[in-house]
C-alpha atoms as a PDB file:
ATOM      1  CA  UNK A   1       0.000   0.000   0.000  1.00  0.00           C
ATOM      2  CA  UNK A   2       1.298   3.456  -0.887  1.00  0.00           C
ATOM      3  CA  UNK A   3       1.921   5.890   1.993  1.00  0.00           C
ATOM      4  CA  UNK A   4      -1.125   8.027   2.695  1.00  0.00           C
ATOM      5  CA  UNK A   5      -3.453   5.854   0.632  1.00  0.00           C
ATOM      6  CA  UNK A   6      -6.553   4.710   2.507  1.00  0.00           C
ATOM      7  CA  UNK A   7      -7.569   1.077   2.328  1.00  0.00           C
ATOM      8  CA  UNK A   8     -11.158  -0.067   2.685  1.00  0.00           C
ATOM      9  CA  UNK A   9     -11.630  -2.432   5.635  1.00  0.00           C
ATOM     10  CA  UNK A  10     -12.525  -6.006   4.805  1.00  0.00           C
ATOM     11  CA  UNK A  11     -16.163  -7.036   4.584  1.00  0.00           C
ATOM     12  CA  UNK A  12     -15.598  -9.139   7.718  1.00  0.00           C
ATOM     13  CA  UNK A  13     -14.335  -6.158   9.714  1.00  0.00           C
ATOM     14  CA  UNK A  14     -17.193  -3.978   8.472  1.00  0.00           C
ATOM     15  CA  UNK A  15     -19.691  -6.654   9.581  1.00  0.00           C
ATOM     16  CA  UNK A  16     -18.026  -6.983  13.001  1.00  0.00           C
ATOM     17  CA  UNK A  17     -18.046  -3.223  13.530  1.00  0.00           C
ATOM     18  CA  UNK A  18     -21.731  -3.084  12.562  1.00  0.00           C
ATOM     19  CA  UNK A  19     -22.414  -5.865  15.085  1.00  0.00           C
ATOM     20  CA  UNK A  20     -20.457  -3.917  17.719  1.00  0.00           C
ATOM     21  CA  UNK A  21     -22.531  -0.795  16.996  1.00  0.00           C
ATOM     22  CA  UNK A  22     -25.708  -2.838  17.473  1.00  0.00           C
ATOM     23  CA  UNK A  23     -24.408  -4.266  20.768  1.00  0.00           C
ATOM     24  CA  UNK A  24     -23.751  -0.709  21.949  1.00  0.00           C
ATOM     25  CA  UNK A  25     -27.206   0.504  20.897  1.00  0.00           C
ATOM     26  CA  UNK A  26     -28.886  -2.456  22.621  1.00  0.00           C
ATOM     27  CA  UNK A  27     -26.821  -1.907  25.764  1.00  0.00           C
ATOM     28  CA  UNK A  28     -27.820   1.767  25.841  1.00  0.00           C
ATOM     29  CA  UNK A  29     -31.506   0.896  25.531  1.00  0.00           C
ATOM     30  CA  UNK A  30     -31.196  -1.644  28.352  1.00  0.00           C
ATOM     31  CA  UNK A  31     -28.838   0.097  30.797  1.00  0.00           C
ATOM     32  CA  UNK A  32     -28.304   3.798  30.162  1.00  0.00           C
ATOM     33  CA  UNK A  33     -31.079   4.845  32.544  1.00  0.00           C
ATOM     34  CA  UNK A  34     -29.305   3.103  35.445  1.00  0.00           C
ATOM     35  CA  UNK A  35     -25.921   4.694  34.664  1.00  0.00           C
ATOM     36  CA  UNK A  36     -24.733   7.546  36.844  1.00  0.00           C
ATOM     37  CA  UNK A  37     -24.211  10.869  35.012  1.00  0.00           C
ATOM     38  CA  UNK A  38     -22.369  13.654  36.813  1.00  0.00           C
ATOM     39  CA  UNK A  39     -21.992  16.863  34.828  1.00  0.00           C
ATOM     40  CA  UNK A  40     -20.554  18.754  37.829  1.00  0.00           C
ATOM     41  CA  UNK A  41     -17.393  20.687  37.204  1.00  0.00           C
ATOM     42  CA  UNK A  42     -18.353  21.678  33.677  1.00  0.00           C
ATOM     43  CA  UNK A  43     -18.139  25.332  32.846  1.00  0.00           C
ATOM     44  CA  UNK A  44     -21.458  27.227  32.837  1.00  0.00           C
ATOM     45  CA  UNK A  45     -22.999  27.183  29.363  1.00  0.00           C
ATOM     46  CA  UNK A  46     -20.865  24.209  28.289  1.00  0.00           C
ATOM     47  CA  UNK A  47     -22.332  21.974  25.588  1.00  0.00           C
ATOM     48  CA  UNK A  48     -20.438  18.981  26.993  1.00  0.00           C
ATOM     49  CA  UNK A  49     -23.471  16.728  27.302  1.00  0.00           C
ATOM     50  CA  UNK A  50     -24.403  17.406  23.668  1.00  0.00           C
ATOM     51  CA  UNK A  51     -21.094  16.100  22.324  1.00  0.00           C
ATOM     52  CA  UNK A  52     -19.611  13.895  25.026  1.00  0.00           C
ATOM     53  CA  UNK A  53     -21.114  11.824  27.758  1.00  0.00           C
ATOM     54  CA  UNK A  54     -19.300  10.166  30.607  1.00  0.00           C
ATOM     55  CA  UNK A  55     -21.486   7.716  32.459  1.00  0.00           C
ATOM     56  CA  UNK A  56     -20.678   5.285  35.213  1.00  0.00           C
ATOM     57  CA  UNK A  57     -22.839   2.184  34.782  1.00  0.00           C
ATOM     58  CA  UNK A  58     -23.065  -0.512  37.420  1.00  0.00           C
ATOM     59  CA  UNK A  59     -20.101  -2.887  37.198  1.00  0.00           C
ATOM     60  CA  UNK A  60     -22.303  -5.786  36.144  1.00  0.00           C
ATOM     61  CA  UNK A  61     -23.733  -3.775  33.229  1.00  0.00           C
ATOM     62  CA  UNK A  62     -20.272  -2.677  32.118  1.00  0.00           C
ATOM     63  CA  UNK A  63     -18.988  -6.260  32.304  1.00  0.00           C
ATOM     64  CA  UNK A  64     -21.974  -7.394  30.241  1.00  0.00           C
ATOM     65  CA  UNK A  65     -21.201  -4.792  27.565  1.00  0.00           C
ATOM     66  CA  UNK A  66     -17.560  -5.858  27.337  1.00  0.00           C
ATOM     67  CA  UNK A  67     -18.516  -9.529  27.062  1.00  0.00           C
ATOM     68  CA  UNK A  68     -21.048  -8.821  24.313  1.00  0.00           C
ATOM     69  CA  UNK A  69     -18.635  -6.477  22.506  1.00  0.00           C
ATOM     70  CA  UNK A  70     -15.887  -9.107  22.526  1.00  0.00           C
ATOM     71  CA  UNK A  71     -18.298 -11.654  21.061  1.00  0.00           C
ATOM     72  CA  UNK A  72     -19.366  -9.206  18.340  1.00  0.00           C
ATOM     73  CA  UNK A  73     -15.726  -8.654  17.405  1.00  0.00           C
ATOM     74  CA  UNK A  74     -15.003 -12.378  17.283  1.00  0.00           C
ATOM     75  CA  UNK A  75     -12.946 -12.427  20.468  1.00  0.00           C
ATOM     76  CA  UNK A  76     -13.166 -14.826  23.358  1.00  0.00           C
ATOM     77  CA  UNK A  77     -13.579 -13.290  26.825  1.00  0.00           C
ATOM     78  CA  UNK A  78     -10.298 -11.858  28.038  1.00  0.00           C
ATOM     79  CA  UNK A  79      -8.701 -12.079  24.580  1.00  0.00           C
ATOM     80  CA  UNK A  80      -7.567  -8.939  22.776  1.00  0.00           C
ATOM     81  CA  UNK A  81      -6.832 -10.292  19.303  1.00  0.00           C
ATOM     82  CA  UNK A  82      -9.328 -11.706  16.768  1.00  0.00           C
END
């Protein structure tokens, strides 16, 4: 590949990333309401929550997301390489 030339991801990677996006969307629908959101410390008038969102879900919900995300990406739990 020539320097600076973009390469299209493989169809497999595109499918895995789409599956990961769906896992994230499902997780949000199921767990976002129980996640803790603390906007304190943001400057008055900040649009932080419109562009970024830090939430602290319960540990069990976060663990569930990571397990489902690893499966979507073709990883086994605890593994970091497909």
